[in-house]
Amino acid sequence: MEKYRIKEAIIVEGKYDLHKVKSLFEGIILATDGFGIYKKTDLLRHLDALSRERGILILTDGDSAGGRIRSLIKSRVSGKVLNAYIPDVYGKEKRKASPSAEGKLGVEGMKDEVILEAVRRAGATFLGEDAPVPPPGITRLDLYEDGFFGREDSASRRKELLALASLPERLNVSSLVEAINCFFGKEGYQSMRDQVQKKFEII
């Protein structure tokens, strides 16, 4: 199978994620060793340098641990950062005796096409392909005015929106804005927003 080549360095959590992603992509692919990255100051400095030199793409699991690792990296680098999000899929990886604490599949358990789509939607630069023109985006104000935060039922509405977008349920508002702008743009957001609003009108 021919591998895809992207400009940005891909950052994953563990060695099994590393094997999975290396089967799909050529280029710089690094693992954080889970929370081990908190002690790896040399790796964090290297990621900062990579972010300024070529950009990095963070591809962590959709659980709370993956979110914490993603946040740490983003807070410690000063260059270009892209965020690839895998959907919440419940199940167990074949090598494991039992599911993870949150019962969700990680990067290693995702189908190849799901990972490829997540990387594309994050805005990665695929070498040898024309770069897509990013669609117009949204702001926090759009989410507020549409009821996705600041109301009593906002958490429920946001959960429905995240499910429609196949995004991890733990994304905060700022990350949700970023993800929507990366993956869907304003038009795609408006379509999903309308679906959520119709559902809540029925309820």
N, C-alpha and C. Protein backbone atom coordinates (compact mmCIF):
# COMPACT_ATOMS: atom_id res chain seq x y z
N MET A 1 0.83 -1.19 0.00
CA MET A 1 0.00 0.00 0.00
C MET A 1 0.88 1.26 0.00
N GLU A 2 0.57 2.18 -0.91
CA GLU A 2 1.32 3.43 -0.97
C GLU A 2 0.93 4.34 0.20
N LYS A 3 1.92 4.89 0.85
CA LYS A 3 1.66 5.74 2.01
C LYS A 3 1.49 7.20 1.57
N TYR A 4 0.75 7.94 2.40
CA TYR A 4 0.56 9.37 2.17
C TYR A 4 1.72 10.14 2.81
N ARG A 5 2.12 11.22 2.16
CA ARG A 5 3.20 12.06 2.68
C ARG A 5 2.63 13.42 3.05
N ILE A 6 2.84 13.83 4.30
CA ILE A 6 2.39 15.15 4.70
C ILE A 6 3.57 15.95 5.26
N LYS A 7 3.43 17.25 5.18
CA LYS A 7 4.51 18.13 5.62
C LYS A 7 4.65 18.15 7.14
N GLU A 8 3.53 18.25 7.84
CA GLU A 8 3.56 18.41 9.28
C GLU A 8 4.02 17.13 9.99
N ALA A 9 4.66 17.29 11.15
CA ALA A 9 5.01 16.14 11.98
C ALA A 9 3.76 15.70 12.74
N ILE A 10 3.51 14.40 12.76
CA ILE A 10 2.33 13.86 13.45
C ILE A 10 2.73 13.41 14.85
N ILE A 11 1.97 13.82 15.84
CA ILE A 11 2.25 13.48 17.23
C ILE A 11 1.13 12.59 17.76
N VAL A 12 1.49 11.39 18.22
CA VAL A 12 0.52 10.45 18.78
C VAL A 12 0.92 10.12 20.21
N GLU A 13 0.12 9.29 20.87
CA GLU A 13 0.39 9.01 22.28
C GLU A 13 1.38 7.86 22.50
N GLY A 14 1.03 6.66 22.05
CA GLY A 14 1.82 5.48 22.40
C GLY A 14 2.39 4.75 21.21
N LYS A 15 3.11 3.66 21.50
CA LYS A 15 3.81 2.93 20.43
C LYS A 15 2.85 2.23 19.48
N TYR A 16 1.69 1.80 19.99
CA TYR A 16 0.73 1.13 19.09
C TYR A 16 0.08 2.14 18.16
N ASP A 17 -0.16 3.36 18.67
CA ASP A 17 -0.64 4.44 17.80
C ASP A 17 0.41 4.75 16.74
N LEU A 18 1.66 4.75 17.17
CA LEU A 18 2.78 5.04 16.27
C LEU A 18 2.82 4.03 15.12
N HIS A 19 2.71 2.74 15.43
CA HIS A 19 2.72 1.70 14.40
C HIS A 19 1.55 1.88 13.44
N LYS A 20 0.39 2.21 13.99
CA LYS A 20 -0.80 2.38 13.16
C LYS A 20 -0.62 3.53 12.17
N VAL A 21 -0.19 4.68 12.68
CA VAL A 21 -0.07 5.87 11.84
C VAL A 21 1.07 5.71 10.84
N LYS A 22 2.15 5.03 11.23
CA LYS A 22 3.27 4.81 10.31
C LYS A 22 2.88 3.88 9.16
N SER A 23 1.84 3.08 9.35
CA SER A 23 1.38 2.22 8.27
C SER A 23 0.63 3.01 7.19
N LEU A 24 0.26 4.25 7.52
CA LEU A 24 -0.52 5.08 6.60
C LEU A 24 0.26 6.26 6.03
N PHE A 25 1.19 6.79 6.82
CA PHE A 25 1.87 8.02 6.44
C PHE A 25 3.38 7.87 6.47
N GLU A 26 4.02 8.64 5.58
CA GLU A 26 5.47 8.81 5.61
C GLU A 26 5.77 10.19 6.17
N GLY A 27 6.88 10.31 6.86
CA GLY A 27 7.25 11.61 7.40
C GLY A 27 7.65 11.48 8.86
N ILE A 28 7.65 12.59 9.56
CA ILE A 28 8.01 12.60 10.97
C ILE A 28 6.79 12.24 11.80
N ILE A 29 6.86 11.14 12.52
CA ILE A 29 5.78 10.67 13.38
C ILE A 29 6.38 10.33 14.73
N LEU A 30 5.93 10.99 15.77
CA LEU A 30 6.51 10.84 17.10
C LEU A 30 5.45 10.47 18.12
N ALA A 31 5.86 9.70 19.13
CA ALA A 31 4.96 9.31 20.23
C ALA A 31 5.35 10.03 21.51
N THR A 32 4.38 10.37 22.32
CA THR A 32 4.64 11.09 23.57
C THR A 32 4.93 10.15 24.73
N ASP A 33 4.70 8.84 24.55
CA ASP A 33 4.76 7.88 25.66
C ASP A 33 3.72 8.25 26.71
N GLY A 34 2.52 8.58 26.22
CA GLY A 34 1.43 8.94 27.14
C GLY A 34 1.79 10.14 27.98
N PHE A 35 1.51 10.04 29.28
CA PHE A 35 1.83 11.14 30.19
C PHE A 35 3.33 11.28 30.43
N GLY A 36 4.11 10.37 29.85
CA GLY A 36 5.56 10.48 29.96
C GLY A 36 6.08 11.79 29.40
N ILE A 37 5.29 12.42 28.53
CA ILE A 37 5.73 13.67 27.92
C ILE A 37 5.89 14.78 28.95
N TYR A 38 5.19 14.66 30.09
CA TYR A 38 5.30 15.69 31.12
C TYR A 38 6.73 15.79 31.65
N LYS A 39 7.48 14.70 31.57
CA LYS A 39 8.86 14.68 32.07
C LYS A 39 9.88 14.83 30.95
N LYS A 40 9.41 14.83 29.70
CA LYS A 40 10.34 14.86 28.56
C LYS A 40 10.50 16.28 28.04
N THR A 41 11.30 17.07 28.76
CA THR A 41 11.50 18.46 28.34
C THR A 41 12.21 18.54 26.99
N ASP A 42 13.10 17.59 26.72
CA ASP A 42 13.80 17.59 25.43
C ASP A 42 12.80 17.37 24.29
N LEU A 43 11.84 16.46 24.49
CA LEU A 43 10.84 16.19 23.46
C LEU A 43 9.96 17.42 23.25
N LEU A 44 9.57 18.08 24.32
CA LEU A 44 8.73 19.28 24.19
C LEU A 44 9.48 20.38 23.44
N ARG A 45 10.77 20.53 23.71
CA ARG A 45 11.56 21.52 22.97
C ARG A 45 11.65 21.14 21.49
N HIS A 46 11.78 19.83 21.24
CA HIS A 46 11.83 19.35 19.86
C HIS A 46 10.51 19.62 19.14
N LEU A 47 9.40 19.39 19.81
CA LEU A 47 8.09 19.65 19.22
C LEU A 47 7.91 21.14 18.93
N ASP A 48 8.42 21.98 19.84
CA ASP A 48 8.34 23.42 19.60
C ASP A 48 9.11 23.79 18.34
N ALA A 49 10.32 23.22 18.20
CA ALA A 49 11.13 23.50 17.01
C ALA A 49 10.43 23.01 15.75
N LEU A 50 9.84 21.82 15.82
CA LEU A 50 9.13 21.28 14.66
C LEU A 50 7.92 22.14 14.29
N SER A 51 7.23 22.64 15.32
CA SER A 51 6.05 23.46 15.06
C SER A 51 6.42 24.73 14.30
N ARG A 52 7.61 25.26 14.57
CA ARG A 52 8.05 26.48 13.90
C ARG A 52 8.66 26.18 12.52
N GLU A 53 9.24 25.00 12.40
CA GLU A 53 9.93 24.64 11.15
C GLU A 53 8.97 24.12 10.09
N ARG A 54 8.05 23.23 10.48
CA ARG A 54 7.18 22.59 9.49
C ARG A 54 5.73 22.44 9.95
N GLY A 55 5.47 22.72 11.25
CA GLY A 55 4.13 22.52 11.80
C GLY A 55 3.98 21.13 12.38
N ILE A 56 3.13 21.00 13.38
CA ILE A 56 2.84 19.69 13.96
C ILE A 56 1.34 19.43 13.91
N LEU A 57 0.99 18.16 13.84
CA LEU A 57 -0.41 17.74 13.84
C LEU A 57 -0.60 16.79 15.02
N ILE A 58 -1.45 17.16 15.96
CA ILE A 58 -1.66 16.36 17.15
C ILE A 58 -2.82 15.39 16.91
N LEU A 59 -2.55 14.10 17.07
CA LEU A 59 -3.55 13.05 16.86
C LEU A 59 -3.58 12.16 18.10
N THR A 60 -4.26 12.63 19.14
CA THR A 60 -4.36 11.86 20.37
C THR A 60 -5.73 11.20 20.47
N ASP A 61 -5.88 10.30 21.44
CA ASP A 61 -7.17 9.66 21.67
C ASP A 61 -8.20 10.69 22.10
N GLY A 62 -9.47 10.32 21.98
CA GLY A 62 -10.54 11.25 22.31
C GLY A 62 -10.95 11.25 23.77
N ASP A 63 -10.22 10.51 24.63
CA ASP A 63 -10.59 10.47 26.05
C ASP A 63 -9.95 11.62 26.80
N SER A 64 -10.17 11.67 28.12
CA SER A 64 -9.65 12.77 28.92
C SER A 64 -8.13 12.81 28.91
N ALA A 65 -7.48 11.64 28.92
CA ALA A 65 -6.02 11.60 28.90
C ALA A 65 -5.49 12.22 27.60
N GLY A 66 -6.10 11.85 26.49
CA GLY A 66 -5.69 12.41 25.21
C GLY A 66 -5.87 13.92 25.17
N GLY A 67 -6.96 14.39 25.78
CA GLY A 67 -7.21 15.83 25.83
C GLY A 67 -6.16 16.56 26.64
N ARG A 68 -5.74 15.96 27.75
CA ARG A 68 -4.72 16.60 28.60
C ARG A 68 -3.37 16.66 27.89
N ILE A 69 -3.02 15.59 27.18
CA ILE A 69 -1.76 15.57 26.45
C ILE A 69 -1.79 16.61 25.33
N ARG A 70 -2.90 16.69 24.63
CA ARG A 70 -3.07 17.68 23.56
C ARG A 70 -2.90 19.10 24.11
N SER A 71 -3.55 19.37 25.24
CA SER A 71 -3.48 20.71 25.83
C SER A 71 -2.06 21.07 26.26
N LEU A 72 -1.35 20.08 26.83
CA LEU A 72 0.02 20.33 27.25
C LEU A 72 0.88 20.73 26.05
N ILE A 73 0.79 19.94 24.98
CA ILE A 73 1.61 20.22 23.81
C ILE A 73 1.29 21.61 23.25
N LYS A 74 0.01 21.92 23.13
CA LYS A 74 -0.39 23.22 22.58
C LYS A 74 0.14 24.37 23.43
N SER A 75 0.23 24.15 24.74
CA SER A 75 0.69 25.22 25.62
C SER A 75 2.20 25.41 25.60
N ARG A 76 2.91 24.43 25.02
CA ARG A 76 4.38 24.46 25.09
C ARG A 76 5.04 24.68 23.73
N VAL A 77 4.25 24.86 22.69
CA VAL A 77 4.85 25.12 21.38
C VAL A 77 4.42 26.49 20.87
N SER A 78 5.24 27.08 20.03
CA SER A 78 4.99 28.46 19.60
C SER A 78 4.70 28.58 18.11
N GLY A 79 4.76 27.47 17.38
CA GLY A 79 4.54 27.52 15.94
C GLY A 79 3.18 27.00 15.52
N LYS A 80 3.14 26.43 14.33
CA LYS A 80 1.89 25.95 13.73
C LYS A 80 1.45 24.64 14.38
N VAL A 81 0.19 24.61 14.82
CA VAL A 81 -0.38 23.39 15.41
C VAL A 81 -1.70 23.08 14.74
N LEU A 82 -1.83 21.87 14.23
CA LEU A 82 -3.10 21.37 13.70
C LEU A 82 -3.62 20.31 14.65
N ASN A 83 -4.94 20.24 14.78
CA ASN A 83 -5.56 19.27 15.68
C ASN A 83 -6.44 18.31 14.91
N ALA A 84 -6.08 17.03 14.93
CA ALA A 84 -6.89 15.98 14.30
C ALA A 84 -7.65 15.26 15.40
N TYR A 85 -8.95 15.13 15.23
CA TYR A 85 -9.79 14.50 16.24
C TYR A 85 -10.43 13.23 15.68
N ILE A 86 -10.31 12.14 16.42
CA ILE A 86 -11.01 10.92 16.03
C ILE A 86 -12.37 10.90 16.72
N PRO A 87 -13.36 10.27 16.11
CA PRO A 87 -14.69 10.24 16.72
C PRO A 87 -14.74 9.33 17.94
N ASP A 88 -15.75 9.52 18.76
CA ASP A 88 -15.97 8.63 19.90
C ASP A 88 -16.59 7.33 19.39
N VAL A 89 -15.82 6.26 19.45
CA VAL A 89 -16.29 4.93 19.06
C VAL A 89 -16.06 4.01 20.25
N TYR A 90 -17.11 3.39 20.73
CA TYR A 90 -16.97 2.54 21.91
C TYR A 90 -16.61 1.12 21.48
N GLY A 91 -15.67 0.54 22.21
CA GLY A 91 -15.22 -0.80 21.89
C GLY A 91 -13.89 -1.09 22.56
N LYS A 92 -13.22 -2.15 22.10
CA LYS A 92 -11.98 -2.60 22.70
C LYS A 92 -10.99 -2.99 21.59
N GLU A 93 -9.76 -2.54 21.73
CA GLU A 93 -8.72 -2.96 20.78
C GLU A 93 -8.44 -4.46 20.94
N LYS A 94 -8.09 -5.11 19.85
CA LYS A 94 -7.93 -6.57 19.86
C LYS A 94 -6.86 -7.03 20.84
N ARG A 95 -5.80 -6.26 21.01
CA ARG A 95 -4.71 -6.69 21.86
C ARG A 95 -5.02 -6.57 23.35
N LYS A 96 -6.09 -5.83 23.69
CA LYS A 96 -6.40 -5.57 25.10
C LYS A 96 -7.38 -6.59 25.66
N ALA A 97 -7.21 -6.90 26.93
CA ALA A 97 -8.12 -7.84 27.60
C ALA A 97 -9.44 -7.18 27.95
N SER A 98 -9.43 -5.86 28.16
CA SER A 98 -10.64 -5.14 28.52
C SER A 98 -10.59 -3.74 27.91
N PRO A 99 -11.74 -3.09 27.80
CA PRO A 99 -11.77 -1.74 27.22
C PRO A 99 -11.01 -0.74 28.09
N SER A 100 -10.76 0.44 27.53
CA SER A 100 -10.14 1.51 28.29
C SER A 100 -11.09 2.01 29.37
N ALA A 101 -10.59 2.89 30.23
CA ALA A 101 -11.40 3.38 31.35
C ALA A 101 -12.71 4.01 30.88
N GLU A 102 -12.66 4.71 29.75
CA GLU A 102 -13.87 5.36 29.22
C GLU A 102 -14.57 4.51 28.17
N GLY A 103 -14.01 3.34 27.87
CA GLY A 103 -14.66 2.42 26.95
C GLY A 103 -14.57 2.80 25.49
N LYS A 104 -13.67 3.74 25.14
CA LYS A 104 -13.58 4.22 23.77
C LYS A 104 -12.34 3.66 23.08
N LEU A 105 -12.46 3.47 21.76
CA LEU A 105 -11.31 3.08 20.97
C LEU A 105 -10.36 4.26 20.84
N GLY A 106 -9.06 3.97 20.87
CA GLY A 106 -8.06 5.00 20.65
C GLY A 106 -7.65 5.04 19.20
N VAL A 107 -6.61 5.77 18.91
CA VAL A 107 -6.12 5.90 17.54
C VAL A 107 -5.79 4.54 16.96
N GLU A 108 -5.15 3.68 17.74
CA GLU A 108 -4.75 2.36 17.22
C GLU A 108 -5.93 1.51 16.79
N GLY A 109 -7.10 1.75 17.39
CA GLY A 109 -8.28 0.94 17.08
C GLY A 109 -9.14 1.47 15.97
N MET A 110 -8.79 2.63 15.44
CA MET A 110 -9.58 3.25 14.39
C MET A 110 -9.29 2.63 13.02
N LYS A 111 -10.29 2.63 12.16
CA LYS A 111 -10.09 2.16 10.79
C LYS A 111 -9.18 3.15 10.05
N ASP A 112 -8.44 2.63 9.08
CA ASP A 112 -7.51 3.47 8.33
C ASP A 112 -8.19 4.70 7.75
N GLU A 113 -9.38 4.50 7.16
CA GLU A 113 -10.04 5.61 6.50
C GLU A 113 -10.49 6.69 7.48
N VAL A 114 -10.77 6.30 8.73
CA VAL A 114 -11.16 7.28 9.75
C VAL A 114 -9.97 8.16 10.11
N ILE A 115 -8.81 7.55 10.28
CA ILE A 115 -7.60 8.32 10.60
C ILE A 115 -7.23 9.24 9.43
N LEU A 116 -7.29 8.72 8.22
CA LEU A 116 -6.97 9.53 7.05
C LEU A 116 -7.90 10.73 6.95
N GLU A 117 -9.18 10.51 7.17
CA GLU A 117 -10.15 11.60 7.11
C GLU A 117 -9.90 12.62 8.21
N ALA A 118 -9.55 12.15 9.41
CA ALA A 118 -9.27 13.07 10.52
C ALA A 118 -8.07 13.96 10.20
N VAL A 119 -7.05 13.37 9.59
CA VAL A 119 -5.85 14.13 9.24
C VAL A 119 -6.16 15.13 8.13
N ARG A 120 -6.94 14.71 7.14
CA ARG A 120 -7.33 15.62 6.07
C ARG A 120 -8.15 16.79 6.61
N ARG A 121 -9.13 16.46 7.45
CA ARG A 121 -10.02 17.49 7.98
C ARG A 121 -9.28 18.47 8.89
N ALA A 122 -8.17 18.03 9.46
CA ALA A 122 -7.39 18.93 10.32
C ALA A 122 -6.63 19.98 9.52
N GLY A 123 -6.56 19.80 8.21
CA GLY A 123 -5.88 20.77 7.37
C GLY A 123 -4.42 20.44 7.08
N ALA A 124 -4.06 19.16 7.21
CA ALA A 124 -2.67 18.76 6.94
C ALA A 124 -2.30 19.04 5.49
N THR A 125 -1.02 19.31 5.28
CA THR A 125 -0.51 19.57 3.94
C THR A 125 -0.06 18.26 3.31
N PHE A 126 -0.87 17.73 2.41
CA PHE A 126 -0.52 16.49 1.71
C PHE A 126 0.39 16.84 0.54
N LEU A 127 1.63 16.35 0.60
CA LEU A 127 2.60 16.68 -0.43
C LEU A 127 2.20 16.05 -1.76
N GLY A 128 2.26 16.86 -2.81
CA GLY A 128 1.86 16.39 -4.12
C GLY A 128 0.40 16.63 -4.43
N GLU A 129 -0.33 17.23 -3.49
CA GLU A 129 -1.74 17.55 -3.70
C GLU A 129 -1.95 19.05 -3.51
N ASP A 130 -2.92 19.59 -4.23
CA ASP A 130 -3.25 21.01 -4.06
C ASP A 130 -3.92 21.23 -2.72
N ALA A 131 -3.53 22.29 -2.03
CA ALA A 131 -4.11 22.60 -0.73
C ALA A 131 -5.53 23.11 -0.90
N PRO A 132 -6.50 22.58 -0.13
CA PRO A 132 -7.88 23.07 -0.23
C PRO A 132 -8.00 24.48 0.36
N VAL A 133 -8.93 25.24 -0.19
CA VAL A 133 -9.19 26.58 0.34
C VAL A 133 -10.08 26.46 1.57
N PRO A 134 -9.65 26.97 2.73
CA PRO A 134 -10.46 26.82 3.93
C PRO A 134 -11.77 27.60 3.83
N PRO A 135 -12.89 27.01 4.25
CA PRO A 135 -14.18 27.70 4.18
C PRO A 135 -14.28 28.75 5.28
N PRO A 136 -15.22 29.72 5.14
CA PRO A 136 -15.43 30.71 6.20
C PRO A 136 -15.76 30.02 7.52
N GLY A 137 -15.31 30.62 8.63
CA GLY A 137 -15.48 29.96 9.93
C GLY A 137 -16.51 30.61 10.82
N ILE A 138 -16.56 30.12 12.07
CA ILE A 138 -17.47 30.63 13.08
C ILE A 138 -16.66 31.16 14.26
N THR A 139 -17.35 31.80 15.21
CA THR A 139 -16.71 32.31 16.42
C THR A 139 -17.45 31.78 17.66
N ARG A 140 -16.88 32.05 18.82
CA ARG A 140 -17.56 31.70 20.08
C ARG A 140 -18.93 32.36 20.16
N LEU A 141 -19.04 33.56 19.61
CA LEU A 141 -20.32 34.28 19.65
C LEU A 141 -21.39 33.51 18.90
N ASP A 142 -21.02 32.88 17.78
CA ASP A 142 -22.00 32.07 17.04
C ASP A 142 -22.53 30.94 17.91
N LEU A 143 -21.64 30.26 18.61
CA LEU A 143 -22.06 29.16 19.49
C LEU A 143 -22.95 29.67 20.61
N TYR A 144 -22.60 30.84 21.15
CA TYR A 144 -23.40 31.42 22.24
C TYR A 144 -24.79 31.80 21.75
N GLU A 145 -24.85 32.49 20.62
CA GLU A 145 -26.15 32.92 20.10
C GLU A 145 -27.02 31.75 19.69
N ASP A 146 -26.40 30.64 19.31
CA ASP A 146 -27.15 29.45 18.91
C ASP A 146 -27.43 28.50 20.07
N GLY A 147 -27.05 28.92 21.28
CA GLY A 147 -27.43 28.16 22.47
C GLY A 147 -26.52 27.02 22.86
N PHE A 148 -25.30 26.99 22.31
CA PHE A 148 -24.39 25.88 22.62
C PHE A 148 -23.53 26.13 23.87
N PHE A 149 -23.62 27.31 24.41
CA PHE A 149 -23.13 27.54 25.77
C PHE A 149 -23.83 28.78 26.32
N GLY A 150 -23.93 28.86 27.65
CA GLY A 150 -24.58 30.00 28.29
C GLY A 150 -26.04 29.79 28.63
N ARG A 151 -26.62 28.60 28.34
CA ARG A 151 -28.01 28.31 28.67
C ARG A 151 -28.08 27.06 29.54
N GLU A 152 -29.25 26.84 30.13
CA GLU A 152 -29.43 25.67 30.99
C GLU A 152 -29.26 24.37 30.22
N ASP A 153 -29.74 24.36 28.97
CA ASP A 153 -29.66 23.12 28.18
C ASP A 153 -28.48 23.12 27.20
N SER A 154 -27.53 24.03 27.39
CA SER A 154 -26.42 24.14 26.43
C SER A 154 -25.57 22.89 26.37
N ALA A 155 -25.34 22.26 27.54
CA ALA A 155 -24.50 21.05 27.55
C ALA A 155 -25.13 19.95 26.70
N SER A 156 -26.44 19.80 26.79
CA SER A 156 -27.14 18.78 25.99
C SER A 156 -27.08 19.12 24.51
N ARG A 157 -27.28 20.39 24.20
CA ARG A 157 -27.21 20.81 22.80
C ARG A 157 -25.81 20.59 22.23
N ARG A 158 -24.80 20.94 23.04
CA ARG A 158 -23.42 20.79 22.59
C ARG A 158 -23.09 19.31 22.38
N LYS A 159 -23.60 18.45 23.24
CA LYS A 159 -23.36 17.02 23.10
C LYS A 159 -23.93 16.50 21.78
N GLU A 160 -25.12 16.97 21.41
CA GLU A 160 -25.72 16.57 20.14
C GLU A 160 -24.88 17.07 18.96
N LEU A 161 -24.40 18.31 19.06
CA LEU A 161 -23.58 18.87 18.00
C LEU A 161 -22.29 18.08 17.82
N LEU A 162 -21.65 17.74 18.93
CA LEU A 162 -20.41 16.97 18.88
C LEU A 162 -20.65 15.59 18.26
N ALA A 163 -21.78 14.98 18.59
CA ALA A 163 -22.10 13.67 18.03
C ALA A 163 -22.30 13.77 16.52
N LEU A 164 -23.02 14.79 16.07
CA LEU A 164 -23.24 14.98 14.63
C LEU A 164 -21.92 15.20 13.89
N ALA A 165 -21.01 15.90 14.56
CA ALA A 165 -19.73 16.22 13.94
C ALA A 165 -18.68 15.12 14.10
N SER A 166 -19.05 14.04 14.81
CA SER A 166 -18.11 12.94 15.10
C SER A 166 -16.86 13.47 15.79
N LEU A 167 -17.07 14.33 16.78
CA LEU A 167 -15.98 14.89 17.57
C LEU A 167 -16.05 14.37 18.99
N PRO A 168 -14.93 14.32 19.70
CA PRO A 168 -14.93 13.82 21.09
C PRO A 168 -15.85 14.64 21.98
N GLU A 169 -16.59 13.98 22.86
CA GLU A 169 -17.57 14.66 23.69
C GLU A 169 -16.95 15.59 24.73
N ARG A 170 -15.66 15.48 24.97
CA ARG A 170 -15.00 16.28 26.01
C ARG A 170 -14.43 17.60 25.49
N LEU A 171 -14.64 17.95 24.24
CA LEU A 171 -14.10 19.20 23.73
C LEU A 171 -14.74 20.39 24.44
N ASN A 172 -13.91 21.36 24.85
CA ASN A 172 -14.46 22.58 25.42
C ASN A 172 -14.88 23.52 24.28
N VAL A 173 -15.46 24.66 24.64
CA VAL A 173 -16.03 25.56 23.63
C VAL A 173 -14.97 26.07 22.67
N SER A 174 -13.81 26.49 23.20
CA SER A 174 -12.76 27.02 22.31
C SER A 174 -12.27 25.96 21.33
N SER A 175 -12.09 24.73 21.82
CA SER A 175 -11.64 23.64 20.94
C SER A 175 -12.72 23.29 19.93
N LEU A 176 -13.99 23.41 20.34
CA LEU A 176 -15.09 23.12 19.42
C LEU A 176 -15.10 24.13 18.27
N VAL A 177 -14.91 25.40 18.58
CA VAL A 177 -14.83 26.42 17.52
C VAL A 177 -13.70 26.08 16.55
N GLU A 178 -12.55 25.75 17.10
CA GLU A 178 -11.38 25.41 16.29
C GLU A 178 -11.65 24.21 15.40
N ALA A 179 -12.25 23.16 15.98
CA ALA A 179 -12.52 21.94 15.23
C ALA A 179 -13.53 22.19 14.12
N ILE A 180 -14.58 22.93 14.42
CA ILE A 180 -15.60 23.21 13.40
C ILE A 180 -15.00 24.00 12.25
N ASN A 181 -14.17 24.99 12.57
CA ASN A 181 -13.56 25.78 11.50
C ASN A 181 -12.58 24.97 10.66
N CYS A 182 -11.89 24.03 11.30
CA CYS A 182 -10.96 23.16 10.57
C CYS A 182 -11.70 22.20 9.65
N PHE A 183 -12.79 21.63 10.16
CA PHE A 183 -13.41 20.49 9.49
C PHE A 183 -14.64 20.83 8.65
N PHE A 184 -15.43 21.83 9.06
CA PHE A 184 -16.74 22.03 8.44
C PHE A 184 -16.96 23.43 7.87
N GLY A 185 -16.37 24.44 8.51
CA GLY A 185 -16.66 25.80 8.09
C GLY A 185 -18.05 26.23 8.53
N LYS A 186 -18.38 27.46 8.21
CA LYS A 186 -19.64 28.03 8.69
C LYS A 186 -20.87 27.31 8.10
N GLU A 187 -20.80 26.98 6.82
CA GLU A 187 -21.94 26.34 6.18
C GLU A 187 -22.22 24.96 6.78
N GLY A 188 -21.16 24.19 6.99
CA GLY A 188 -21.34 22.87 7.60
C GLY A 188 -21.87 22.98 9.02
N TYR A 189 -21.36 23.97 9.75
CA TYR A 189 -21.84 24.20 11.13
C TYR A 189 -23.33 24.54 11.12
N GLN A 190 -23.74 25.42 10.23
CA GLN A 190 -25.14 25.85 10.21
C GLN A 190 -26.08 24.68 9.93
N SER A 191 -25.65 23.77 9.07
CA SER A 191 -26.46 22.58 8.78
C SER A 191 -26.63 21.72 10.04
N MET A 192 -25.54 21.48 10.77
CA MET A 192 -25.62 20.69 11.99
C MET A 192 -26.40 21.43 13.08
N ARG A 193 -26.20 22.74 13.17
CA ARG A 193 -26.94 23.55 14.15
C ARG A 193 -28.44 23.41 13.93
N ASP A 194 -28.88 23.48 12.67
CA ASP A 194 -30.30 23.37 12.37
C ASP A 194 -30.86 22.01 12.78
N GLN A 195 -30.07 20.96 12.58
CA GLN A 195 -30.52 19.63 13.00
C GLN A 195 -30.69 19.53 14.50
N VAL A 196 -29.75 20.12 15.24
CA VAL A 196 -29.84 20.11 16.70
C VAL A 196 -31.06 20.90 17.15
N GLN A 197 -31.27 22.07 16.57
CA GLN A 197 -32.39 22.91 16.98
C GLN A 197 -33.72 22.23 16.71
N LYS A 198 -33.83 21.54 15.59
CA LYS A 198 -35.07 20.82 15.28
C LYS A 198 -35.34 19.73 16.32
N LYS A 199 -34.30 19.03 16.72
CA LYS A 199 -34.46 17.98 17.71
C LYS A 199 -34.94 18.54 19.04
N PHE A 200 -34.40 19.67 19.45
CA PHE A 200 -34.78 20.26 20.73
C PHE A 200 -36.15 20.92 20.67
N GLU A 201 -36.56 21.34 19.49
CA GLU A 201 -37.92 21.86 19.34
C GLU A 201 -38.94 20.74 19.54
N ILE A 202 -38.58 19.55 19.03
CA ILE A 202 -39.49 18.38 19.19
C ILE A 202 -39.58 17.99 20.65
N ILE A 203 -38.41 18.00 21.35
CA ILE A 203 -38.38 17.64 22.77
C ILE A 203 -39.19 18.64 23.57
